[in-house]
Amino acid sequence: YATLGELLGNYRRLKAAGIEPVWCINHGFTTSIYYCDPDG
């Protein structure tokens, strides 16, 4: 995502749709929010 705001906006949108992240981590060079699709 181009901005942290866009990443967090996507997180908020997905949470409202019932899709929760499985891992949230700051790798240093990226701020990352991970999800699992239906196949894992």
Full PDB file with SEQRES, HELIX, SHEET, SSBOND, CRYST1, ORIGX, SCALE, CONECT and MASTER records, all heavy atoms in Angstrom:
SEQRES   1 A   40  TYR ALA THR LEU GLY GLU LEU LEU GLY ASN TYR ARG ARG          
SEQRES   2 A   40  LEU LYS ALA ALA GLY ILE GLU PRO VAL TRP CYS ILE ASN          
SEQRES   3 A   40  HIS GLY PHE THR THR SER ILE TYR TYR CYS ASP PRO ASP          
SEQRES   4 A   40  GLY                                                          
HELIX    1 AA1 LEU A    4  ALA A   16  1                                  13    
SHEET    1 AA1 2 TRP A  23  ASN A  26  0                                        
SHEET    2 AA1 2 THR A  31  TYR A  34 -1                                        
CRYST1    1.000    1.000    1.000  90.00  90.00  90.00 P 1           1          
ORIGX1      1.000000  0.000000  0.000000        0.00000                         
ORIGX2      0.000000  1.000000  0.000000        0.00000                         
ORIGX3      0.000000  0.000000  1.000000        0.00000                         
SCALE1      1.000000  0.000000  0.000000        0.00000                         
SCALE2      0.000000  1.000000  0.000000        0.00000                         
SCALE3      0.000000  0.000000  1.000000        0.00000                         
ATOM      1  N   TYR A   1       0.852  -1.186   0.000  1.00  0.00           N  
ATOM      2  CA  TYR A   1       0.000   0.000   0.000  1.00  0.00           C  
ATOM      3  C   TYR A   1       0.887   1.235   0.000  1.00  0.00           C  
ATOM      4  O   TYR A   1       1.977   1.239   0.580  1.00  0.00           O  
ATOM      5  CB  TYR A   1      -0.939  -0.027   1.211  1.00  0.00           C  
ATOM      6  CG  TYR A   1      -1.983  -1.103   1.048  1.00  0.00           C  
ATOM      7  CD1 TYR A   1      -1.671  -2.431   1.310  1.00  0.00           C  
ATOM      8  CD2 TYR A   1      -3.245  -0.803   0.568  1.00  0.00           C  
ATOM      9  CE1 TYR A   1      -2.613  -3.441   1.109  1.00  0.00           C  
ATOM     10  CE2 TYR A   1      -4.196  -1.803   0.366  1.00  0.00           C  
ATOM     11  CZ  TYR A   1      -3.864  -3.121   0.637  1.00  0.00           C  
ATOM     12  OH  TYR A   1      -4.783  -4.107   0.434  1.00  0.00           O  
ATOM     13  N   ALA A   2       0.422   2.305  -0.631  1.00  0.00           N  
ATOM     14  CA  ALA A   2       1.232   3.512  -0.808  1.00  0.00           C  
ATOM     15  C   ALA A   2       1.477   4.262   0.491  1.00  0.00           C  
ATOM     16  O   ALA A   2       2.508   4.913   0.628  1.00  0.00           O  
ATOM     17  CB  ALA A   2       0.570   4.440  -1.823  1.00  0.00           C  
ATOM     18  N   THR A   3       0.543   4.165   1.432  1.00  0.00           N  
ATOM     19  CA  THR A   3       0.692   4.890   2.701  1.00  0.00           C  
ATOM     20  C   THR A   3       0.298   3.970   3.856  1.00  0.00           C  
ATOM     21  O   THR A   3      -0.440   2.994   3.668  1.00  0.00           O  
ATOM     22  CB  THR A   3      -0.203   6.143   2.763  1.00  0.00           C  
ATOM     23  OG1 THR A   3      -1.580   5.731   2.796  1.00  0.00           O  
ATOM     24  CG2 THR A   3       0.046   7.070   1.579  1.00  0.00           C  
ATOM     25  N   LEU A   4       0.766   4.319   5.043  1.00  0.00           N  
ATOM     26  CA  LEU A   4       0.348   3.585   6.232  1.00  0.00           C  
ATOM     27  C   LEU A   4      -1.154   3.742   6.433  1.00  0.00           C  
ATOM     28  O   LEU A   4      -1.839   2.798   6.827  1.00  0.00           O  
ATOM     29  CB  LEU A   4       1.121   4.074   7.462  1.00  0.00           C  
ATOM     30  CG  LEU A   4       0.818   3.360   8.773  1.00  0.00           C  
ATOM     31  CD1 LEU A   4       1.116   1.860   8.685  1.00  0.00           C  
ATOM     32  CD2 LEU A   4       1.612   3.990   9.917  1.00  0.00           C  
ATOM     33  N   GLY A   5      -1.677   4.912   6.117  1.00  0.00           N  
ATOM     34  CA  GLY A   5      -3.118   5.139   6.221  1.00  0.00           C  
ATOM     35  C   GLY A   5      -3.920   4.191   5.348  1.00  0.00           C  
ATOM     36  O   GLY A   5      -4.969   3.687   5.760  1.00  0.00           O  
ATOM     37  N   GLU A   6      -3.443   3.920   4.132  1.00  0.00           N  
ATOM     38  CA  GLU A   6      -4.131   2.982   3.244  1.00  0.00           C  
ATOM     39  C   GLU A   6      -4.087   1.566   3.812  1.00  0.00           C  
ATOM     40  O   GLU A   6      -5.076   0.837   3.759  1.00  0.00           O  
ATOM     41  CB  GLU A   6      -3.530   3.013   1.848  1.00  0.00           C  
ATOM     42  CG  GLU A   6      -3.853   4.267   1.075  1.00  0.00           C  
ATOM     43  CD  GLU A   6      -3.227   4.283  -0.308  1.00  0.00           C  
ATOM     44  OE1 GLU A   6      -2.725   3.231  -0.772  1.00  0.00           O  
ATOM     45  OE2 GLU A   6      -3.244   5.353  -0.944  1.00  0.00           O  
ATOM     46  N   LEU A   7      -2.919   1.164   4.334  1.00  0.00           N  
ATOM     47  CA  LEU A   7      -2.792  -0.167   4.943  1.00  0.00           C  
ATOM     48  C   LEU A   7      -3.761  -0.301   6.114  1.00  0.00           C  
ATOM     49  O   LEU A   7      -4.486  -1.298   6.221  1.00  0.00           O  
ATOM     50  CB  LEU A   7      -1.360  -0.408   5.413  1.00  0.00           C  
ATOM     51  CG  LEU A   7      -1.125  -1.723   6.166  1.00  0.00           C  
ATOM     52  CD1 LEU A   7      -1.245  -2.916   5.226  1.00  0.00           C  
ATOM     53  CD2 LEU A   7       0.232  -1.711   6.848  1.00  0.00           C  
ATOM     54  N   LEU A   8      -3.790   0.697   6.986  1.00  0.00           N  
ATOM     55  CA  LEU A   8      -4.669   0.638   8.158  1.00  0.00           C  
ATOM     56  C   LEU A   8      -6.138   0.767   7.763  1.00  0.00           C  
ATOM     57  O   LEU A   8      -7.010   0.159   8.392  1.00  0.00           O  
ATOM     58  CB  LEU A   8      -4.275   1.715   9.160  1.00  0.00           C  
ATOM     59  CG  LEU A   8      -2.908   1.492   9.810  1.00  0.00           C  
ATOM     60  CD1 LEU A   8      -2.494   2.720  10.620  1.00  0.00           C  
ATOM     61  CD2 LEU A   8      -2.908   0.238  10.675  1.00  0.00           C  
ATOM     62  N   GLY A   9      -6.429   1.533   6.723  1.00  0.00           N  
ATOM     63  CA  GLY A   9      -7.795   1.604   6.215  1.00  0.00           C  
ATOM     64  C   GLY A   9      -8.270   0.262   5.696  1.00  0.00           C  
ATOM     65  O   GLY A   9      -9.422  -0.139   5.911  1.00  0.00           O  
ATOM     66  N   ASN A  10      -7.373  -0.467   5.021  1.00  0.00           N  
ATOM     67  CA  ASN A  10      -7.711  -1.807   4.541  1.00  0.00           C  
ATOM     68  C   ASN A  10      -7.942  -2.752   5.713  1.00  0.00           C  
ATOM     69  O   ASN A  10      -8.874  -3.556   5.703  1.00  0.00           O  
ATOM     70  CB  ASN A  10      -6.620  -2.342   3.618  1.00  0.00           C  
ATOM     71  CG  ASN A  10      -7.031  -3.591   2.896  1.00  0.00           C  
ATOM     72  OD1 ASN A  10      -8.028  -3.591   2.180  1.00  0.00           O  
ATOM     73  ND2 ASN A  10      -6.285  -4.659   3.081  1.00  0.00           N  
ATOM     74  N   TYR A  11      -7.083  -2.653   6.740  1.00  0.00           N  
ATOM     75  CA  TYR A  11      -7.272  -3.458   7.956  1.00  0.00           C  
ATOM     76  C   TYR A  11      -8.661  -3.197   8.549  1.00  0.00           C  
ATOM     77  O   TYR A  11      -9.399  -4.130   8.862  1.00  0.00           O  
ATOM     78  CB  TYR A  11      -6.182  -3.129   8.984  1.00  0.00           C  
ATOM     79  CG  TYR A  11      -6.559  -3.502  10.394  1.00  0.00           C  
ATOM     80  CD1 TYR A  11      -6.538  -4.832  10.815  1.00  0.00           C  
ATOM     81  CD2 TYR A  11      -6.982  -2.529  11.295  1.00  0.00           C  
ATOM     82  CE1 TYR A  11      -6.923  -5.169  12.102  1.00  0.00           C  
ATOM     83  CE2 TYR A  11      -7.362  -2.861  12.585  1.00  0.00           C  
ATOM     84  CZ  TYR A  11      -7.333  -4.190  12.979  1.00  0.00           C  
ATOM     85  OH  TYR A  11      -7.733  -4.525  14.250  1.00  0.00           O  
ATOM     86  N   ARG A  12      -9.033  -1.933   8.683  1.00  0.00           N  
ATOM     87  CA  ARG A  12     -10.323  -1.576   9.271  1.00  0.00           C  
ATOM     88  C   ARG A  12     -11.479  -2.102   8.405  1.00  0.00           C  
ATOM     89  O   ARG A  12     -12.454  -2.638   8.916  1.00  0.00           O  
ATOM     90  CB  ARG A  12     -10.406  -0.059   9.422  1.00  0.00           C  
ATOM     91  CG  ARG A  12     -11.633   0.397  10.170  1.00  0.00           C  
ATOM     92  CD  ARG A  12     -11.746   1.887  10.355  1.00  0.00           C  
ATOM     93  NE  ARG A  12     -10.609   2.634   9.888  1.00  0.00           N  
ATOM     94  CZ  ARG A  12     -10.274   3.830  10.320  1.00  0.00           C  
ATOM     95  NH1 ARG A  12     -10.975   4.418  11.246  1.00  0.00           N  
ATOM     96  NH2 ARG A  12      -9.239   4.465   9.823  1.00  0.00           N  
ATOM     97  N   ARG A  13     -11.361  -1.964   7.089  1.00  0.00           N  
ATOM     98  CA  ARG A  13     -12.395  -2.440   6.163  1.00  0.00           C  
ATOM     99  C   ARG A  13     -12.560  -3.954   6.258  1.00  0.00           C  
ATOM    100  O   ARG A  13     -13.681  -4.471   6.341  1.00  0.00           O  
ATOM    101  CB  ARG A  13     -12.018  -2.020   4.736  1.00  0.00           C  
ATOM    102  CG  ARG A  13     -13.045  -2.379   3.671  1.00  0.00           C  
ATOM    103  CD  ARG A  13     -12.538  -1.965   2.287  1.00  0.00           C  
ATOM    104  NE  ARG A  13     -11.334  -2.666   1.892  1.00  0.00           N  
ATOM    105  CZ  ARG A  13     -11.304  -3.921   1.438  1.00  0.00           C  
ATOM    106  NH1 ARG A  13     -12.428  -4.620   1.345  1.00  0.00           N  
ATOM    107  NH2 ARG A  13     -10.164  -4.486   1.082  1.00  0.00           N  
ATOM    108  N   LEU A  14     -11.433  -4.677   6.289  1.00  0.00           N  
ATOM    109  CA  LEU A  14     -11.494  -6.133   6.371  1.00  0.00           C  
ATOM    110  C   LEU A  14     -12.051  -6.594   7.717  1.00  0.00           C  
ATOM    111  O   LEU A  14     -12.849  -7.537   7.772  1.00  0.00           O  
ATOM    112  CB  LEU A  14     -10.114  -6.745   6.126  1.00  0.00           C  
ATOM    113  CG  LEU A  14      -9.586  -6.595   4.701  1.00  0.00           C  
ATOM    114  CD1 LEU A  14      -8.152  -7.070   4.621  1.00  0.00           C  
ATOM    115  CD2 LEU A  14     -10.471  -7.315   3.707  1.00  0.00           C  
ATOM    116  N   LYS A  15     -11.653  -5.936   8.784  1.00  0.00           N  
ATOM    117  CA  LYS A  15     -12.174  -6.299  10.111  1.00  0.00           C  
ATOM    118  C   LYS A  15     -13.693  -6.138  10.146  1.00  0.00           C  
ATOM    119  O   LYS A  15     -14.402  -6.999  10.661  1.00  0.00           O  
ATOM    120  CB  LYS A  15     -11.509  -5.440  11.187  1.00  0.00           C  
ATOM    121  CG  LYS A  15     -11.931  -5.825  12.582  1.00  0.00           C  
ATOM    122  CD  LYS A  15     -11.183  -5.044  13.627  1.00  0.00           C  
ATOM    123  CE  LYS A  15     -11.669  -5.491  15.002  1.00  0.00           C  
ATOM    124  NZ  LYS A  15     -10.986  -4.795  16.078  1.00  0.00           N  
ATOM    125  N   ALA A  16     -14.211  -5.057   9.574  1.00  0.00           N  
ATOM    126  CA  ALA A  16     -15.656  -4.837   9.512  1.00  0.00           C  
ATOM    127  C   ALA A  16     -16.361  -5.917   8.695  1.00  0.00           C  
ATOM    128  O   ALA A  16     -17.530  -6.236   8.945  1.00  0.00           O  
ATOM    129  CB  ALA A  16     -15.954  -3.454   8.936  1.00  0.00           C  
ATOM    130  N   ALA A  17     -15.630  -6.507   7.728  1.00  0.00           N  
ATOM    131  CA  ALA A  17     -16.179  -7.587   6.887  1.00  0.00           C  
ATOM    132  C   ALA A  17     -15.975  -8.961   7.519  1.00  0.00           C  
ATOM    133  O   ALA A  17     -16.311  -9.977   6.919  1.00  0.00           O  
ATOM    134  CB  ALA A  17     -15.545  -7.545   5.495  1.00  0.00           C  
ATOM    135  N   GLY A  18     -15.396  -8.999   8.737  1.00  0.00           N  
ATOM    136  CA  GLY A  18     -15.196 -10.275   9.432  1.00  0.00           C  
ATOM    137  C   GLY A  18     -13.904 -10.982   9.092  1.00  0.00           C  
ATOM    138  O   GLY A  18     -13.722 -12.149   9.437  1.00  0.00           O  
ATOM    139  N   ILE A  19     -12.972 -10.303   8.427  1.00  0.00           N  
ATOM    140  CA  ILE A  19     -11.684 -10.907   8.078  1.00  0.00           C  
ATOM    141  C   ILE A  19     -10.638 -10.339   9.028  1.00  0.00           C  
ATOM    142  O   ILE A  19     -10.326  -9.148   8.991  1.00  0.00           O  
ATOM    143  CB  ILE A  19     -11.307 -10.636   6.613  1.00  0.00           C  
ATOM    144  CG1 ILE A  19     -12.366 -11.239   5.678  1.00  0.00           C  
ATOM    145  CG2 ILE A  19      -9.925 -11.198   6.297  1.00  0.00           C  
ATOM    146  CD1 ILE A  19     -12.177 -10.890   4.214  1.00  0.00           C  
ATOM    147  N   GLU A  20     -10.109 -11.199   9.892  1.00  0.00           N  
ATOM    148  CA  GLU A  20      -9.143 -10.788  10.910  1.00  0.00           C  
ATOM    149  C   GLU A  20      -7.730 -11.190  10.499  1.00  0.00           C  
ATOM    150  O   GLU A  20      -7.526 -12.246   9.895  1.00  0.00           O  
ATOM    151  CB  GLU A  20      -9.461 -11.466  12.248  1.00  0.00           C  
ATOM    152  CG  GLU A  20     -10.796 -11.063  12.856  1.00  0.00           C  
ATOM    153  CD  GLU A  20     -10.744  -9.724  13.569  1.00  0.00           C  
ATOM    154  OE1 GLU A  20      -9.632  -9.227  13.857  1.00  0.00           O  
ATOM    155  OE2 GLU A  20     -11.820  -9.181  13.838  1.00  0.00           O  
ATOM    156  N   PRO A  21      -6.742 -10.368  10.827  1.00  0.00           N  
ATOM    157  CA  PRO A  21      -5.361 -10.756  10.525  1.00  0.00           C  
ATOM    158  C   PRO A  21      -4.909 -11.916  11.403  1.00  0.00           C  
ATOM    159  O   PRO A  21      -5.437 -12.120  12.494  1.00  0.00           O  
ATOM    160  CB  PRO A  21      -4.559  -9.491  10.849  1.00  0.00           C  
ATOM    161  CG  PRO A  21      -5.407  -8.707  11.773  1.00  0.00           C  
ATOM    162  CD  PRO A  21      -6.833  -9.075  11.481  1.00  0.00           C  
ATOM    163  N   VAL A  22      -3.938 -12.664  10.881  1.00  0.00           N  
ATOM    164  CA  VAL A  22      -3.348 -13.760  11.657  1.00  0.00           C  
ATOM    165  C   VAL A  22      -2.010 -13.367  12.257  1.00  0.00           C  
ATOM    166  O   VAL A  22      -1.512 -14.048  13.156  1.00  0.00           O  
ATOM    167  CB  VAL A  22      -3.190 -15.051  10.808  1.00  0.00           C  
ATOM    168  CG1 VAL A  22      -4.549 -15.583  10.393  1.00  0.00           C  
ATOM    169  CG2 VAL A  22      -2.296 -14.826   9.599  1.00  0.00           C  
ATOM    170  N   TRP A  23      -1.420 -12.259  11.758  1.00  0.00           N  
ATOM    171  CA  TRP A  23      -0.123 -11.820  12.282  1.00  0.00           C  
ATOM    172  C   TRP A  23       0.089 -10.376  11.877  1.00  0.00           C  
ATOM    173  O   TRP A  23      -0.110 -10.008  10.713  1.00  0.00           O  
ATOM    174  CB  TRP A  23       0.977 -12.692  11.693  1.00  0.00           C  
ATOM    175  CG  TRP A  23       2.340 -12.561  12.289  1.00  0.00           C  
ATOM    176  CD1 TRP A  23       2.677 -12.168  13.553  1.00  0.00           C  
ATOM    177  CD2 TRP A  23       3.580 -12.846  11.628  1.00  0.00           C  
ATOM    178  NE1 TRP A  23       4.031 -12.202  13.724  1.00  0.00           N  
ATOM    179  CE2 TRP A  23       4.617 -12.621  12.554  1.00  0.00           C  
ATOM    180  CE3 TRP A  23       3.907 -13.279  10.356  1.00  0.00           C  
ATOM    181  CZ2 TRP A  23       5.951 -12.806  12.249  1.00  0.00           C  
ATOM    182  CZ3 TRP A  23       5.242 -13.464  10.044  1.00  0.00           C  
ATOM    183  CH2 TRP A  23       6.251 -13.240  10.983  1.00  0.00           C  
ATOM    184  N   CYS A  24       0.503  -9.560  12.832  1.00  0.00           N  
ATOM    185  CA  CYS A  24       0.832  -8.156  12.580  1.00  0.00           C  
ATOM    186  C   CYS A  24       2.242  -7.928  13.091  1.00  0.00           C  
ATOM    187  O   CYS A  24       2.514  -8.136  14.283  1.00  0.00           O  
ATOM    188  CB  CYS A  24      -0.155  -7.238  13.300  1.00  0.00           C  
ATOM    189  SG  CYS A  24      -1.863  -7.474  12.775  1.00  0.00           S  
ATOM    190  N   ILE A  25       3.128  -7.510  12.197  1.00  0.00           N  
ATOM    191  CA  ILE A  25       4.543  -7.391  12.565  1.00  0.00           C  
ATOM    192  C   ILE A  25       5.187  -6.222  11.823  1.00  0.00           C  
ATOM    193  O   ILE A  25       4.892  -5.976  10.653  1.00  0.00           O  
ATOM    194  CB  ILE A  25       5.307  -8.704  12.272  1.00  0.00           C  
ATOM    195  CG1 ILE A  25       6.729  -8.622  12.783  1.00  0.00           C  
ATOM    196  CG2 ILE A  25       5.226  -9.100  10.828  1.00  0.00           C  
ATOM    197  CD1 ILE A  25       7.409  -9.954  12.985  1.00  0.00           C  
ATOM    198  N   ASN A  26       6.055  -5.529  12.534  1.00  0.00           N  
ATOM    199  CA  ASN A  26       6.890  -4.516  11.913  1.00  0.00           C  
ATOM    200  C   ASN A  26       8.226  -5.186  11.626  1.00  0.00           C  
ATOM    201  O   ASN A  26       8.957  -5.527  12.553  1.00  0.00           O  
ATOM    202  CB  ASN A  26       7.065  -3.303  12.835  1.00  0.00           C  
ATOM    203  CG  ASN A  26       7.822  -2.195  12.154  1.00  0.00           C  
ATOM    204  OD1 ASN A  26       8.786  -2.425  11.437  1.00  0.00           O  
ATOM    205  ND2 ASN A  26       7.387  -0.971  12.379  1.00  0.00           N  
ATOM    206  N   HIS A  27       8.511  -5.393  10.343  1.00  0.00           N  
ATOM    207  CA  HIS A  27       9.763  -6.041   9.931  1.00  0.00           C  
ATOM    208  C   HIS A  27      10.926  -5.052   9.908  1.00  0.00           C  
ATOM    209  O   HIS A  27      12.041  -5.439   9.572  1.00  0.00           O  
ATOM    210  CB  HIS A  27       9.618  -6.638   8.531  1.00  0.00           C  
ATOM    211  CG  HIS A  27       8.705  -7.819   8.435  1.00  0.00           C  
ATOM    212  ND1 HIS A  27       8.946  -9.010   9.072  1.00  0.00           N  
ATOM    213  CD2 HIS A  27       7.546  -7.981   7.746  1.00  0.00           C  
ATOM    214  CE1 HIS A  27       7.981  -9.871   8.775  1.00  0.00           C  
ATOM    215  NE2 HIS A  27       7.113  -9.265   7.974  1.00  0.00           N  
ATOM    216  N   GLY A  28      10.671  -3.813  10.224  1.00  0.00           N  
ATOM    217  CA  GLY A  28      11.686  -2.766  10.122  1.00  0.00           C  
ATOM    218  C   GLY A  28      11.527  -2.035   8.813  1.00  0.00           C  
ATOM    219  O   GLY A  28      11.159  -0.877   8.781  1.00  0.00           O  
ATOM    220  N   PHE A  29      11.745  -2.724   7.710  1.00  0.00           N  
ATOM    221  CA  PHE A  29      11.598  -2.109   6.397  1.00  0.00           C  
ATOM    222  C   PHE A  29      10.150  -2.072   5.933  1.00  0.00           C  
ATOM    223  O   PHE A  29       9.804  -1.299   5.057  1.00  0.00           O  
ATOM    224  CB  PHE A  29      12.510  -2.770   5.353  1.00  0.00           C  
ATOM    225  CG  PHE A  29      12.327  -4.259   5.225  1.00  0.00           C  
ATOM    226  CD1 PHE A  29      11.506  -4.785   4.267  1.00  0.00           C  
ATOM    227  CD2 PHE A  29      13.020  -5.115   6.078  1.00  0.00           C  
ATOM    228  CE1 PHE A  29      11.348  -6.162   4.144  1.00  0.00           C  
ATOM    229  CE2 PHE A  29      12.874  -6.483   5.959  1.00  0.00           C  
ATOM    230  CZ  PHE A  29      12.026  -7.009   5.005  1.00  0.00           C  
ATOM    231  N   THR A  30       9.277  -2.901   6.543  1.00  0.00           N  
ATOM    232  CA  THR A  30       7.840  -2.848   6.258  1.00  0.00           C  
ATOM    233  C   THR A  30       7.043  -2.963   7.551  1.00  0.00           C  
ATOM    234  O   THR A  30       7.504  -3.548   8.529  1.00  0.00           O  
ATOM    235  CB  THR A  30       7.357  -3.989   5.329  1.00  0.00           C  
ATOM    236  OG1 THR A  30       7.505  -5.240   6.005  1.00  0.00           O  
ATOM    237  CG2 THR A  30       8.080  -4.005   4.002  1.00  0.00           C  
ATOM    238  N   THR A  31       5.845  -2.398   7.525  1.00  0.00           N  
ATOM    239  CA  THR A  31       4.824  -2.665   8.529  1.00  0.00           C  
ATOM    240  C   THR A  31       3.856  -3.601   7.832  1.00  0.00           C  
ATOM    241  O   THR A  31       3.319  -3.259   6.773  1.00  0.00           O  
ATOM    242  CB  THR A  31       4.122  -1.368   8.969  1.00  0.00           C  
ATOM    243  OG1 THR A  31       5.100  -0.513   9.567  1.00  0.00           O  
ATOM    244  CG2 THR A  31       3.010  -1.648   9.963  1.00  0.00           C  
ATOM    245  N   SER A  32       3.640  -4.794   8.395  1.00  0.00           N  
ATOM    246  CA  SER A  32       2.941  -5.856   7.672  1.00  0.00           C  
ATOM    247  C   SER A  32       1.792  -6.438   8.479  1.00  0.00           C  
ATOM    248  O   SER A  32       1.932  -6.712   9.668  1.00  0.00           O  
ATOM    249  CB  SER A  32       3.924  -6.977   7.318  1.00  0.00           C  
ATOM    250  OG  SER A  32       4.982  -6.459   6.526  1.00  0.00           O  
ATOM    251  N   ILE A  33       0.681  -6.638   7.780  1.00  0.00           N  
ATOM    252  CA  ILE A  33      -0.495  -7.290   8.354  1.00  0.00           C  
ATOM    253  C   ILE A  33      -0.800  -8.491   7.466  1.00  0.00           C  
ATOM    254  O   ILE A  33      -1.046  -8.336   6.272  1.00  0.00           O  
ATOM    255  CB  ILE A  33      -1.693  -6.325   8.427  1.00  0.00           C  
ATOM    256  CG1 ILE A  33      -1.326  -5.086   9.253  1.00  0.00           C  
ATOM    257  CG2 ILE A  33      -2.915  -7.031   9.000  1.00  0.00           C  
ATOM    258  CD1 ILE A  33      -2.399  -4.007   9.290  1.00  0.00           C  
ATOM    259  N   TYR A  34      -0.745  -9.683   8.068  1.00  0.00           N  
ATOM    260  CA  TYR A  34      -0.919 -10.930   7.327  1.00  0.00           C  
ATOM    261  C   TYR A  34      -2.314 -11.510   7.543  1.00  0.00           C  
ATOM    262  O   TYR A  34      -2.866 -11.444   8.650  1.00  0.00           O  
ATOM    263  CB  TYR A  34       0.091 -11.976   7.797  1.00  0.00           C  
ATOM    264  CG  TYR A  34       1.521 -11.704   7.409  1.00  0.00           C  
ATOM    265  CD1 TYR A  34       2.310 -10.830   8.155  1.00  0.00           C  
ATOM    266  CD2 TYR A  34       2.088 -12.343   6.316  1.00  0.00           C  
ATOM    267  CE1 TYR A  34       3.637 -10.593   7.807  1.00  0.00           C  
ATOM    268  CE2 TYR A  34       3.416 -12.115   5.973  1.00  0.00           C  
ATOM    269  CZ  TYR A  34       4.180 -11.244   6.723  1.00  0.00           C  
ATOM    270  OH  TYR A  34       5.491 -11.012   6.385  1.00  0.00           O  
ATOM    271  N   TYR A  35      -2.837 -12.128   6.498  1.00  0.00           N  
ATOM    272  CA  TYR A  35      -4.125 -12.821   6.527  1.00  0.00           C  
ATOM    273  C   TYR A  35      -3.941 -14.204   5.927  1.00  0.00           C  
ATOM    274  O   TYR A  35      -2.987 -14.446   5.195  1.00  0.00           O  
ATOM    275  CB  TYR A  35      -5.169 -12.057   5.692  1.00  0.00           C  
ATOM    276  CG  TYR A  35      -5.418 -10.655   6.187  1.00  0.00           C  
ATOM    277  CD1 TYR A  35      -4.660  -9.578   5.728  1.00  0.00           C  
ATOM    278  CD2 TYR A  35      -6.407 -10.405   7.126  1.00  0.00           C  
ATOM    279  CE1 TYR A  35      -4.883  -8.293   6.198  1.00  0.00           C  
ATOM    280  CE2 TYR A  35      -6.642  -9.113   7.593  1.00  0.00           C  
ATOM    281  CZ  TYR A  35      -5.873  -8.072   7.128  1.00  0.00           C  
ATOM    282  OH  TYR A  35      -6.095  -6.806   7.601  1.00  0.00           O  
ATOM    283  N   CYS A  36      -4.878 -15.106   6.194  1.00  0.00           N  
ATOM    284  CA  CYS A  36      -4.906 -16.417   5.527  1.00  0.00           C  
ATOM    285  C   CYS A  36      -6.131 -16.478   4.637  1.00  0.00           C  
ATOM    286  O   CYS A  36      -7.235 -16.117   5.061  1.00  0.00           O  
ATOM    287  CB  CYS A  36      -4.966 -17.550   6.549  1.00  0.00           C  
ATOM    288  SG  CYS A  36      -3.367 -17.979   7.237  1.00  0.00           S  
ATOM    289  N   ASP A  37      -5.931 -16.939   3.414  1.00  0.00           N  
ATOM    290  CA  ASP A  37      -7.077 -17.127   2.531  1.00  0.00           C  
ATOM    291  C   ASP A  37      -7.773 -18.447   2.881  1.00  0.00           C  
ATOM    292  O   ASP A  37      -7.286 -19.187   3.753  1.00  0.00           O  
ATOM    293  CB  ASP A  37      -6.658 -17.025   1.064  1.00  0.00           C  
ATOM    294  CG  ASP A  37      -5.891 -18.204   0.506  1.00  0.00           C  
ATOM    295  OD1 ASP A  37      -5.835 -19.280   1.148  1.00  0.00           O  
ATOM    296  OD2 ASP A  37      -5.326 -18.064  -0.599  1.00  0.00           O  
ATOM    297  N   PRO A  38      -8.905 -18.760   2.262  1.00  0.00           N  
ATOM    298  CA  PRO A  38      -9.639 -19.979   2.620  1.00  0.00           C  
ATOM    299  C   PRO A  38      -8.861 -21.284   2.450  1.00  0.00           C  
ATOM    300  O   PRO A  38      -9.164 -22.271   3.100  1.00  0.00           O  
ATOM    301  CB  PRO A  38     -10.859 -19.947   1.693  1.00  0.00           C  
ATOM    302  CG  PRO A  38     -11.085 -18.496   1.452  1.00  0.00           C  
ATOM    303  CD  PRO A  38      -9.701 -17.901   1.380  1.00  0.00           C  
ATOM    304  N   ASP A  39      -7.835 -21.295   1.606  1.00  0.00           N  
ATOM    305  CA  ASP A  39      -7.001 -22.485   1.442  1.00  0.00           C  
ATOM    306  C   ASP A  39      -5.836 -22.512   2.430  1.00  0.00           C  
ATOM    307  O   ASP A  39      -5.034 -23.436   2.428  1.00  0.00           O  
ATOM    308  CB  ASP A  39      -6.427 -22.567   0.023  1.00  0.00           C  
ATOM    309  CG  ASP A  39      -7.425 -23.113  -0.980  1.00  0.00           C  
ATOM    310  OD1 ASP A  39      -8.482 -23.627  -0.564  1.00  0.00           O  
ATOM    311  OD2 ASP A  39      -7.142 -23.020  -2.193  1.00  0.00           O  
ATOM    312  N   GLY A  40      -5.695 -21.457   3.251  1.00  0.00           N  
ATOM    313  CA  GLY A  40      -4.618 -21.399   4.217  1.00  0.00           C  
ATOM    314  C   GLY A  40      -3.365 -20.720   3.714  1.00  0.00           C  
ATOM    315  O   GLY A  40      -2.344 -20.702   4.406  1.00  0.00           O  
TER     316      GLY A  40                                                      
MASTER        0    0    0    1    2    0    0    6  315    1    0    4          
END                                                                             
